Each structure stands twice: as C-alpha cells, then as structure tokens.
Amino acid sequence: MSTKICVLGAGGRMGQSVIRALFEQSALVLSAAVDRPDGEVVGKDCGALIGQDRTGVSVSDDLAAHLEPQTVVIDFSSPDALMAALPVLESRDCALVTGTTGLDAAQAERLDAASQRIPVLRSDNFSVGVALMRALAQRAAEVLGEQADIEIIEAHHRRKVDAPSGTALAVGRSVAQGLGIELDSVADWTRHGQVGPRGDGRVGFSVIRGGDIVGEHTALFAMAGERLEITHKATDRMIFARGAVRAAGWLAAQDAGLYALEDLLG
C-alpha cells in the first residue's frame, strides 16, 4: 500500500519541487496539497501547477479539511504556518518532514514537543552533499582548532527571507561541535564600521542574496600561509525535493520521535 503524502507550502519553490519529485516515483502518492489562503495557487490542480497532466488533487487552503490520518506531511511553508499545522498533524497521527527554516526558540520547542506524539524529521537541508560537508567541516574544526580563523559564507536567491540560511547555521553548529563549544558563544553575525581586529576563536558569518542562486555554502578555515575551503554548490533545488521525498518514505515506518537527515543516511 502506497504511503500518502501531503505537501504543505505547495505554492513555494520547494513545495512545487516536492510535487514534481513525487511524480518521479511510485512508492509515495500525493493525496493533498495546501498553501496559504491568499496564495495564487489555491484551487489549481497539482499536475497543472508543474506543467504535468492533471492529477485530481487541487491545492487547498484548509489543511484540516483535506489531511487524512497517517499521512506523511512534507512541509516547506513558514514558521507560522507550521505552528498552525502541528495540532492537526498530532490529532491525526501524521508524520512530519519539515525543511522550514527561521523558527525562533519557542517554535523550535513546540516542534520538539510534537515529536513526542508523532515522528518528526527536521532538516535545514535535504542534500546528501551538504550532510557530508557538515561532517567534513566538523572534522576540520577538530583538527585545526584555534589555528584557523573560521568563516561561514552563504549565498541564495533574492527572494529568500531569512539570514543566515538554516544550512549555514547548521554548518556553523557542526564547526562549533568540532571545537567543543556552543555556536552562539563565538558567532559574529554582522560586521559594520570600526569593528577592530578579528577576535580569536570567533566564527564569522557572511550572507549574499541575489538573482536565482539555488544555494551555496562555504566553510573557510584561514591560517598563516594557507586556507582550506569546504564548499557545496546546489544548481538544482530538485536535489532537496528528492531528499525530502526519500525522508518521507523512511519516516512513515518510524515511531514518534525527533529525527535528523543523518538518521536516514545512517
């Protein structure tokens, strides 16, 4: 029996990519798609939305009216939309794969609480390459330690609303783990004006927004006479969509709990 999938945030770039990725395989079946009430795609057939044959599944603005029990929800919406959806998912025993970024501390805590009742897989990036990059950055931080000045540099398209990106923060956390410290204690989020010399042991963040950049992340380790750069460049957001679909198929068989992409990859 095929696993049913609901896409939350169907009008966004990632939501539409997830719908396209679902059409590439047969193990998971799109059963519902939801977007915000003022979304331009509400009422449109999901197939027509991505230039495919009609599916009979139209985008709705009412999650509660269309979400069937034990469906896996793939979410690329917004923090507020995700928070509003959680009670519905919990009441219907639906698993959640979420790539929504920009959650504040209270929202992240609420998501953690939901994972006590339903399976939740949260990832800032569903690329296997990024998962490997994080592991390499952590290892580099372990080896180089305070010998290197560490910077995290990220670039995305002009419509991205949060900064630094969730992936950049995740890379930063991996670096901090390698250093044996908490990221917030060493992060430099902004530099402007007479900031003085670079402080020892700091981890700097730089953000680029422009054009249609899908996503680029670099962990830079600058030392005397040399530097190491670990970079991942995404050229097609379908890599993230396929990763989220793969995660949904895996999560459908899991018990309640909070999972990461690394759990899927082993």
C-alpha atoms as a PDB file:
ATOM      1  CA  MET A   1       0.000   0.000   0.000  1.00  0.00           C
ATOM      2  CA  SER A   2       1.408   3.370  -1.038  1.00  0.00           C
ATOM      3  CA  THR A   3       2.187   5.989   1.583  1.00  0.00           C
ATOM      4  CA  LYS A   4       0.055   9.120   1.268  1.00  0.00           C
ATOM      5  CA  ILE A   5       1.799  12.476   1.163  1.00  0.00           C
ATOM      6  CA  CYS A   6       0.506  15.981   1.856  1.00  0.00           C
ATOM      7  CA  VAL A   7       2.633  18.934   0.732  1.00  0.00           C
ATOM      8  CA  LEU A   8       2.398  21.980   2.999  1.00  0.00           C
ATOM      9  CA  GLY A   9       3.593  25.140   1.285  1.00  0.00           C
ATOM     10  CA  ALA A  10       2.645  23.891  -2.175  1.00  0.00           C
ATOM     11  CA  GLY A  11       2.846  27.346  -3.743  1.00  0.00           C
ATOM     12  CA  GLY A  12       6.504  27.910  -2.917  1.00  0.00           C
ATOM     13  CA  ARG A  13       9.525  26.938  -4.965  1.00  0.00           C
ATOM     14  CA  MET A  14      10.341  23.972  -2.754  1.00  0.00           C
ATOM     15  CA  GLY A  15       6.713  22.895  -2.452  1.00  0.00           C
ATOM     16  CA  GLN A  16       6.352  22.677  -6.218  1.00  0.00           C
ATOM     17  CA  SER A  17       9.684  20.859  -6.489  1.00  0.00           C
ATOM     18  CA  VAL A  18       8.450  18.293  -3.956  1.00  0.00           C
ATOM     19  CA  ILE A  19       5.305  17.735  -6.026  1.00  0.00           C
ATOM     20  CA  ARG A  20       7.488  17.204  -9.088  1.00  0.00           C
ATOM     21  CA  ALA A  21       9.715  14.770  -7.161  1.00  0.00           C
ATOM     22  CA  LEU A  22       6.662  12.792  -6.051  1.00  0.00           C
ATOM     23  CA  PHE A  23       5.674  12.346  -9.697  1.00  0.00           C
ATOM     24  CA  GLU A  24       9.105  10.807 -10.401  1.00  0.00           C
ATOM     25  CA  GLN A  25       8.407   7.749  -8.235  1.00  0.00           C
ATOM     26  CA  SER A  26       5.525   5.447  -7.335  1.00  0.00           C
ATOM     27  CA  ALA A  27       6.036   4.356  -3.712  1.00  0.00           C
ATOM     28  CA  LEU A  28       4.570   7.587  -2.332  1.00  0.00           C
ATOM     29  CA  VAL A  29       1.309   9.133  -3.524  1.00  0.00           C
ATOM     30  CA  LEU A  30       0.306  12.795  -3.392  1.00  0.00           C
ATOM     31  CA  SER A  31      -3.034  12.937  -1.574  1.00  0.00           C
ATOM     32  CA  ALA A  32      -3.237  16.618  -0.602  1.00  0.00           C
ATOM     33  CA  ALA A  33      -1.508  19.947  -1.116  1.00  0.00           C
ATOM     34  CA  VAL A  34      -2.011  23.064   0.976  1.00  0.00           C
ATOM     35  CA  ASP A  35      -0.938  26.680   0.677  1.00  0.00           C
ATOM     36  CA  ARG A  36      -1.765  29.921   2.462  1.00  0.00           C
ATOM     37  CA  PRO A  37      -5.288  31.347   1.913  1.00  0.00           C
ATOM     38  CA  ASP A  38      -4.047  34.239  -0.226  1.00  0.00           C
ATOM     39  CA  GLY A  39      -1.768  32.015  -2.300  1.00  0.00           C
ATOM     40  CA  GLU A  40      -2.056  32.294  -6.068  1.00  0.00           C
ATOM     41  CA  VAL A  41      -2.034  28.506  -6.491  1.00  0.00           C
ATOM     42  CA  VAL A  42      -5.059  27.734  -4.296  1.00  0.00           C
ATOM     43  CA  GLY A  43      -7.635  25.854  -6.369  1.00  0.00           C
ATOM     44  CA  LYS A  44      -5.165  24.802  -9.054  1.00  0.00           C
ATOM     45  CA  ASP A  45      -4.567  21.147  -9.910  1.00  0.00           C
ATOM     46  CA  CYS A  46      -1.150  19.983  -8.701  1.00  0.00           C
ATOM     47  CA  GLY A  47      -0.288  18.438 -12.059  1.00  0.00           C
ATOM     48  CA  ALA A  48      -1.149  21.591 -13.951  1.00  0.00           C
ATOM     49  CA  LEU A  49       0.799  23.592 -11.381  1.00  0.00           C
ATOM     50  CA  ILE A  50       4.069  21.992 -12.517  1.00  0.00           C
ATOM     51  CA  GLY A  51       3.199  21.561 -16.191  1.00  0.00           C
ATOM     52  CA  GLN A  52       2.121  17.903 -15.952  1.00  0.00           C
ATOM     53  CA  ASP A  53      -1.145  16.050 -16.566  1.00  0.00           C
ATOM     54  CA  ARG A  54      -3.980  16.817 -14.175  1.00  0.00           C
ATOM     55  CA  THR A  55      -3.977  14.668 -11.028  1.00  0.00           C
ATOM     56  CA  GLY A  56      -7.352  15.409  -9.474  1.00  0.00           C
ATOM     57  CA  VAL A  57      -5.551  16.789  -6.406  1.00  0.00           C
ATOM     58  CA  SER A  58      -6.034  20.535  -6.124  1.00  0.00           C
ATOM     59  CA  VAL A  59      -4.201  22.930  -3.828  1.00  0.00           C
ATOM     60  CA  SER A  60      -6.336  23.833  -0.818  1.00  0.00           C
ATOM     61  CA  ASP A  61      -6.054  26.483   1.871  1.00  0.00           C
ATOM     62  CA  ASP A  62      -7.626  24.214   4.525  1.00  0.00           C
ATOM     63  CA  LEU A  63      -5.302  21.559   5.929  1.00  0.00           C
ATOM     64  CA  ALA A  64      -7.841  20.147   8.383  1.00  0.00           C
ATOM     65  CA  ALA A  65     -10.372  19.513   5.621  1.00  0.00           C
ATOM     66  CA  HIS A  66      -8.004  17.501   3.426  1.00  0.00           C
ATOM     67  CA  LEU A  67      -5.450  15.785   5.672  1.00  0.00           C
ATOM     68  CA  GLU A  68      -6.160  12.079   6.054  1.00  0.00           C
ATOM     69  CA  PRO A  69      -4.983  10.143   9.134  1.00  0.00           C
ATOM     70  CA  GLN A  70      -1.480   8.618   8.978  1.00  0.00           C
ATOM     71  CA  THR A  71      -0.431  10.753   6.035  1.00  0.00           C
ATOM     72  CA  VAL A  72       3.165  11.989   5.919  1.00  0.00           C
ATOM     73  CA  VAL A  73       3.298  15.779   5.620  1.00  0.00           C
ATOM     74  CA  ILE A  74       6.236  17.330   3.766  1.00  0.00           C
ATOM     75  CA  ASP A  75       6.484  20.940   4.899  1.00  0.00           C
ATOM     76  CA  PHE A  76       8.256  23.828   3.207  1.00  0.00           C
ATOM     77  CA  SER A  77       5.990  26.651   4.331  1.00  0.00           C
ATOM     78  CA  SER A  78       6.710  29.239   7.037  1.00  0.00           C
ATOM     79  CA  PRO A  79       7.224  29.088  10.797  1.00  0.00           C
ATOM     80  CA  ASP A  80       3.715  30.408  11.484  1.00  0.00           C
ATOM     81  CA  ALA A  81       2.087  28.001   9.015  1.00  0.00           C
ATOM     82  CA  LEU A  82       3.999  25.087  10.513  1.00  0.00           C
ATOM     83  CA  MET A  83       2.947  26.002  14.050  1.00  0.00           C
ATOM     84  CA  ALA A  84      -0.691  26.250  12.959  1.00  0.00           C
ATOM     85  CA  ALA A  85      -0.482  22.827  11.302  1.00  0.00           C
ATOM     86  CA  LEU A  86       1.007  20.906  14.230  1.00  0.00           C
ATOM     87  CA  PRO A  87      -2.233  20.372  16.209  1.00  0.00           C
ATOM     88  CA  VAL A  88      -3.892  18.916  13.105  1.00  0.00           C
ATOM     89  CA  LEU A  89      -0.977  16.548  12.482  1.00  0.00           C
ATOM     90  CA  GLU A  90      -0.919  15.440  16.107  1.00  0.00           C
ATOM     91  CA  SER A  91      -4.654  14.749  16.191  1.00  0.00           C
ATOM     92  CA  ARG A  92      -4.451  12.573  13.056  1.00  0.00           C
ATOM     93  CA  ASP A  93      -1.237  10.701  13.805  1.00  0.00           C
ATOM     94  CA  CYS A  94       0.565  12.160  10.790  1.00  0.00           C
ATOM     95  CA  ALA A  95       4.345  12.110  10.471  1.00  0.00           C
ATOM     96  CA  LEU A  96       6.143  15.339   9.556  1.00  0.00           C
ATOM     97  CA  VAL A  97       9.151  16.017   7.346  1.00  0.00           C
ATOM     98  CA  THR A  98       9.953  19.714   7.636  1.00  0.00           C
ATOM     99  CA  GLY A  99      12.519  21.885   5.925  1.00  0.00           C
ATOM    100  CA  THR A 100      11.012  25.168   7.094  1.00  0.00           C
ATOM    101  CA  THR A 101      13.728  27.454   8.458  1.00  0.00           C
ATOM    102  CA  GLY A 102      13.658  30.601  10.569  1.00  0.00           C
ATOM    103  CA  LEU A 103      11.974  29.076  13.632  1.00  0.00           C
ATOM    104  CA  ASP A 104      12.506  31.001  16.863  1.00  0.00           C
ATOM    105  CA  ALA A 105      13.317  29.273  20.147  1.00  0.00           C
ATOM    106  CA  ALA A 106       9.676  28.902  21.198  1.00  0.00           C
ATOM    107  CA  GLN A 107       8.675  27.468  17.817  1.00  0.00           C
ATOM    108  CA  ALA A 108      11.567  25.001  17.866  1.00  0.00           C
ATOM    109  CA  GLU A 109      10.497  23.933  21.356  1.00  0.00           C
ATOM    110  CA  ARG A 110       6.927  23.411  20.133  1.00  0.00           C
ATOM    111  CA  LEU A 111       8.212  21.231  17.291  1.00  0.00           C
ATOM    112  CA  ASP A 112      10.245  19.203  19.772  1.00  0.00           C
ATOM    113  CA  ALA A 113       7.106  18.712  21.863  1.00  0.00           C
ATOM    114  CA  ALA A 114       5.185  17.476  18.813  1.00  0.00           C
ATOM    115  CA  SER A 115       7.855  14.827  18.240  1.00  0.00           C
ATOM    116  CA  GLN A 116       6.778  13.158  21.477  1.00  0.00           C
ATOM    117  CA  ARG A 117       3.473  12.307  19.785  1.00  0.00           C
ATOM    118  CA  ILE A 118       4.362  11.913  16.097  1.00  0.00           C
ATOM    119  CA  PRO A 119       7.504  11.159  14.045  1.00  0.00           C
ATOM    120  CA  VAL A 120       9.228  14.424  13.076  1.00  0.00           C
ATOM    121  CA  LEU A 121      12.238  14.721  10.786  1.00  0.00           C
ATOM    122  CA  ARG A 122      13.637  18.225  10.703  1.00  0.00           C
ATOM    123  CA  SER A 123      16.462  19.281   8.432  1.00  0.00           C
ATOM    124  CA  ASP A 124      17.744  22.632   7.258  1.00  0.00           C
ATOM    125  CA  ASN A 125      18.950  20.968   4.065  1.00  0.00           C
ATOM    126  CA  PHE A 126      17.979  17.651   2.460  1.00  0.00           C
ATOM    127  CA  SER A 127      21.102  17.315   0.310  1.00  0.00           C
ATOM    128  CA  VAL A 128      23.387  14.341   0.948  1.00  0.00           C
ATOM    129  CA  GLY A 129      26.267  16.535  -0.202  1.00  0.00           C
ATOM    130  CA  VAL A 130      25.515  19.107   2.484  1.00  0.00           C
ATOM    131  CA  ALA A 131      25.356  16.378   5.123  1.00  0.00           C
ATOM    132  CA  LEU A 132      28.840  15.295   4.041  1.00  0.00           C
ATOM    133  CA  MET A 133      30.045  18.908   4.006  1.00  0.00           C
ATOM    134  CA  ARG A 134      28.920  19.343   7.613  1.00  0.00           C
ATOM    135  CA  ALA A 135      30.809  16.215   8.650  1.00  0.00           C
ATOM    136  CA  LEU A 136      33.959  17.436   6.887  1.00  0.00           C
ATOM    137  CA  ALA A 137      33.653  20.908   8.435  1.00  0.00           C
ATOM    138  CA  GLN A 138      33.308  19.386  11.887  1.00  0.00           C
ATOM    139  CA  ARG A 139      36.379  17.240  11.330  1.00  0.00           C
ATOM    140  CA  ALA A 140      38.384  20.224  10.048  1.00  0.00           C
ATOM    141  CA  ALA A 141      37.441  22.199  13.161  1.00  0.00           C
ATOM    142  CA  GLU A 142      38.516  19.304  15.375  1.00  0.00           C
ATOM    143  CA  VAL A 143      41.925  19.099  13.678  1.00  0.00           C
ATOM    144  CA  LEU A 144      42.670  22.791  13.154  1.00  0.00           C
ATOM    145  CA  GLY A 145      41.050  24.193  16.289  1.00  0.00           C
ATOM    146  CA  GLU A 146      42.225  27.692  17.129  1.00  0.00           C
ATOM    147  CA  GLN A 147      44.933  27.579  14.445  1.00  0.00           C
ATOM    148  CA  ALA A 148      42.344  28.777  11.914  1.00  0.00           C
ATOM    149  CA  ASP A 149      40.078  31.785  11.561  1.00  0.00           C
ATOM    150  CA  ILE A 150      36.746  30.251  10.585  1.00  0.00           C
ATOM    151  CA  GLU A 151      34.129  31.890   8.366  1.00  0.00           C
ATOM    152  CA  ILE A 152      30.806  30.564   7.058  1.00  0.00           C
ATOM    153  CA  ILE A 153      29.749  32.124   3.750  1.00  0.00           C
ATOM    154  CA  GLU A 154      26.389  31.504   2.103  1.00  0.00           C
ATOM    155  CA  ALA A 155      24.547  32.728  -0.996  1.00  0.00           C
ATOM    156  CA  HIS A 156      20.902  32.359  -2.039  1.00  0.00           C
ATOM    157  CA  HIS A 157      18.336  33.813  -4.431  1.00  0.00           C
ATOM    158  CA  ARG A 158      16.969  37.291  -3.853  1.00  0.00           C
ATOM    159  CA  ARG A 159      13.597  36.068  -2.511  1.00  0.00           C
ATOM    160  CA  LYS A 160      14.952  34.173   0.490  1.00  0.00           C
ATOM    161  CA  VAL A 161      13.660  35.916   3.605  1.00  0.00           C
ATOM    162  CA  ASP A 162      15.813  34.535   6.460  1.00  0.00           C
ATOM    163  CA  ALA A 163      19.523  35.059   7.029  1.00  0.00           C
ATOM    164  CA  PRO A 164      21.843  33.378   7.646  1.00  0.00           C
ATOM    165  CA  SER A 165      20.297  30.377   5.975  1.00  0.00           C
ATOM    166  CA  GLY A 166      19.311  27.373   8.038  1.00  0.00           C
ATOM    167  CA  THR A 167      22.033  25.401   6.297  1.00  0.00           C
ATOM    168  CA  ALA A 168      24.682  27.999   7.164  1.00  0.00           C
ATOM    169  CA  LEU A 169      23.610  27.796  10.793  1.00  0.00           C
ATOM    170  CA  ALA A 170      23.767  24.001  10.642  1.00  0.00           C
ATOM    171  CA  VAL A 171      27.298  24.157   9.220  1.00  0.00           C
ATOM    172  CA  GLY A 172      28.186  26.596  11.984  1.00  0.00           C
ATOM    173  CA  ARG A 173      26.844  24.220  14.609  1.00  0.00           C
ATOM    174  CA  SER A 174      28.918  21.396  13.128  1.00  0.00           C
ATOM    175  CA  VAL A 175      32.021  23.593  13.309  1.00  0.00           C
ATOM    176  CA  ALA A 176      31.208  24.548  16.897  1.00  0.00           C
ATOM    177  CA  GLN A 177      30.757  20.895  17.786  1.00  0.00           C
ATOM    178  CA  GLY A 178      34.191  20.189  16.359  1.00  0.00           C
ATOM    179  CA  LEU A 179      35.583  22.977  18.531  1.00  0.00           C
ATOM    180  CA  GLY A 180      33.734  21.710  21.586  1.00  0.00           C
ATOM    181  CA  ILE A 181      31.798  24.948  22.144  1.00  0.00           C
ATOM    182  CA  GLU A 182      28.339  26.445  21.624  1.00  0.00           C
ATOM    183  CA  LEU A 183      27.926  28.382  18.371  1.00  0.00           C
ATOM    184  CA  ASP A 184      26.145  31.349  19.967  1.00  0.00           C
ATOM    185  CA  SER A 185      29.140  31.966  22.222  1.00  0.00           C
ATOM    186  CA  VAL A 186      31.547  32.548  19.306  1.00  0.00           C
ATOM    187  CA  ALA A 187      29.409  33.636  16.326  1.00  0.00           C
ATOM    188  CA  ASP A 188      29.903  37.026  14.673  1.00  0.00           C
ATOM    189  CA  TRP A 189      26.655  37.692  12.817  1.00  0.00           C
ATOM    190  CA  THR A 190      27.377  41.187  11.478  1.00  0.00           C
ATOM    191  CA  ARG A 191      30.354  43.438  10.857  1.00  0.00           C
ATOM    192  CA  HIS A 192      29.998  47.138  10.069  1.00  0.00           C
ATOM    193  CA  GLY A 193      32.124  50.181  10.743  1.00  0.00           C
ATOM    194  CA  GLN A 194      35.148  50.240  13.036  1.00  0.00           C
ATOM    195  CA  VAL A 195      34.849  46.713  14.412  1.00  0.00           C
ATOM    196  CA  GLY A 196      38.527  46.317  15.270  1.00  0.00           C
ATOM    197  CA  PRO A 197      40.740  43.303  14.572  1.00  0.00           C
ATOM    198  CA  ARG A 198      39.219  39.868  14.272  1.00  0.00           C
ATOM    199  CA  GLY A 199      38.818  38.199  17.642  1.00  0.00           C
ATOM    200  CA  ASP A 200      40.480  34.851  18.302  1.00  0.00           C
ATOM    201  CA  GLY A 201      38.209  31.835  18.232  1.00  0.00           C
ATOM    202  CA  ARG A 202      35.313  33.616  16.541  1.00  0.00           C
ATOM    203  CA  VAL A 203      33.159  32.092  13.774  1.00  0.00           C
ATOM    204  CA  GLY A 204      32.055  34.725  11.281  1.00  0.00           C
ATOM    205  CA  PHE A 205      29.014  34.619   9.002  1.00  0.00           C
ATOM    206  CA  SER A 206      28.619  36.354   5.636  1.00  0.00           C
ATOM    207  CA  VAL A 207      25.406  36.429   3.594  1.00  0.00           C
ATOM    208  CA  ILE A 208      24.826  37.029  -0.120  1.00  0.00           C
ATOM    209  CA  ARG A 209      21.370  37.477  -1.674  1.00  0.00           C
ATOM    210  CA  GLY A 210      20.834  37.877  -5.399  1.00  0.00           C
ATOM    211  CA  GLY A 211      19.425  36.553  -8.637  1.00  0.00           C
ATOM    212  CA  ASP A 212      18.337  32.931  -8.770  1.00  0.00           C
ATOM    213  CA  ILE A 213      21.160  31.339  -6.734  1.00  0.00           C
ATOM    214  CA  VAL A 214      19.807  27.998  -5.522  1.00  0.00           C
ATOM    215  CA  GLY A 215      22.225  27.718  -2.614  1.00  0.00           C
ATOM    216  CA  GLU A 216      25.960  27.900  -1.978  1.00  0.00           C
ATOM    217  CA  HIS A 217      27.749  27.321   1.329  1.00  0.00           C
ATOM    218  CA  THR A 218      31.434  27.529   2.225  1.00  0.00           C
ATOM    219  CA  ALA A 219      33.239  26.793   5.474  1.00  0.00           C
ATOM    220  CA  LEU A 220      36.542  28.673   5.269  1.00  0.00           C
ATOM    221  CA  PHE A 221      39.480  27.896   7.551  1.00  0.00           C
ATOM    222  CA  ALA A 222      42.125  30.632   7.136  1.00  0.00           C
ATOM    223  CA  MET A 223      45.609  30.008   8.541  1.00  0.00           C
ATOM    224  CA  ALA A 224      49.034  31.573   8.146  1.00  0.00           C
ATOM    225  CA  GLY A 225      50.166  30.839   4.602  1.00  0.00           C
ATOM    226  CA  GLU A 226      47.229  28.648   3.606  1.00  0.00           C
ATOM    227  CA  ARG A 227      43.493  28.244   3.786  1.00  0.00           C
ATOM    228  CA  LEU A 228      41.049  25.369   3.494  1.00  0.00           C
ATOM    229  CA  GLU A 229      37.638  25.874   1.894  1.00  0.00           C
ATOM    230  CA  ILE A 230      34.882  23.265   2.058  1.00  0.00           C
ATOM    231  CA  THR A 231      32.156  24.260  -0.395  1.00  0.00           C
ATOM    232  CA  HIS A 232      28.823  22.878  -1.531  1.00  0.00           C
ATOM    233  CA  LYS A 233      27.010  24.404  -4.511  1.00  0.00           C
ATOM    234  CA  ALA A 234      23.466  23.418  -5.415  1.00  0.00           C
ATOM    235  CA  THR A 235      22.481  24.029  -9.029  1.00  0.00           C
ATOM    236  CA  ASP A 236      19.030  22.435  -8.952  1.00  0.00           C
ATOM    237  CA  ARG A 237      16.650  22.544  -5.975  1.00  0.00           C
ATOM    238  CA  MET A 238      15.295  19.155  -7.049  1.00  0.00           C
ATOM    239  CA  ILE A 239      18.126  17.598  -5.013  1.00  0.00           C
ATOM    240  CA  PHE A 240      16.451  18.947  -1.879  1.00  0.00           C
ATOM    241  CA  ALA A 241      12.990  17.856  -3.005  1.00  0.00           C
ATOM    242  CA  ARG A 242      14.125  14.309  -3.767  1.00  0.00           C
ATOM    243  CA  GLY A 243      15.851  14.163  -0.406  1.00  0.00           C
ATOM    244  CA  ALA A 244      12.666  15.251   1.367  1.00  0.00           C
ATOM    245  CA  VAL A 245      10.611  12.651  -0.513  1.00  0.00           C
ATOM    246  CA  ARG A 246      13.136   9.969   0.396  1.00  0.00           C
ATOM    247  CA  ALA A 247      12.939  11.102   4.021  1.00  0.00           C
ATOM    248  CA  ALA A 248       9.133  10.882   3.958  1.00  0.00           C
ATOM    249  CA  GLY A 249       9.227   7.280   2.792  1.00  0.00           C
ATOM    250  CA  TRP A 250      11.634   6.412   5.588  1.00  0.00           C
ATOM    251  CA  LEU A 251       9.786   8.358   8.285  1.00  0.00           C
ATOM    252  CA  ALA A 252       6.491   6.605   7.556  1.00  0.00           C
ATOM    253  CA  ALA A 253       7.885   3.474   9.226  1.00  0.00           C
ATOM    254  CA  GLN A 254       9.311   5.208  12.307  1.00  0.00           C
ATOM    255  CA  ASP A 255       7.904   5.657  15.799  1.00  0.00           C
ATOM    256  CA  ALA A 256       7.269   9.046  17.373  1.00  0.00           C
ATOM    257  CA  GLY A 257      10.482  10.965  17.932  1.00  0.00           C
ATOM    258  CA  LEU A 258      12.689  13.736  16.595  1.00  0.00           C
ATOM    259  CA  TYR A 259      14.906  12.662  13.699  1.00  0.00           C
ATOM    260  CA  ALA A 260      17.579  14.249  11.515  1.00  0.00           C
ATOM    261  CA  LEU A 261      18.687  13.504   7.961  1.00  0.00           C
ATOM    262  CA  GLU A 262      21.738  11.752   9.384  1.00  0.00           C
ATOM    263  CA  ASP A 263      19.419   9.132  10.931  1.00  0.00           C
ATOM    264  CA  LEU A 264      18.149   8.278   7.457  1.00  0.00           C
ATOM    265  CA  LEU A 265      21.626   8.192   5.936  1.00  0.00           C
ATOM    266  CA  GLY A 266      22.980   6.005   8.735  1.00  0.00           C
END
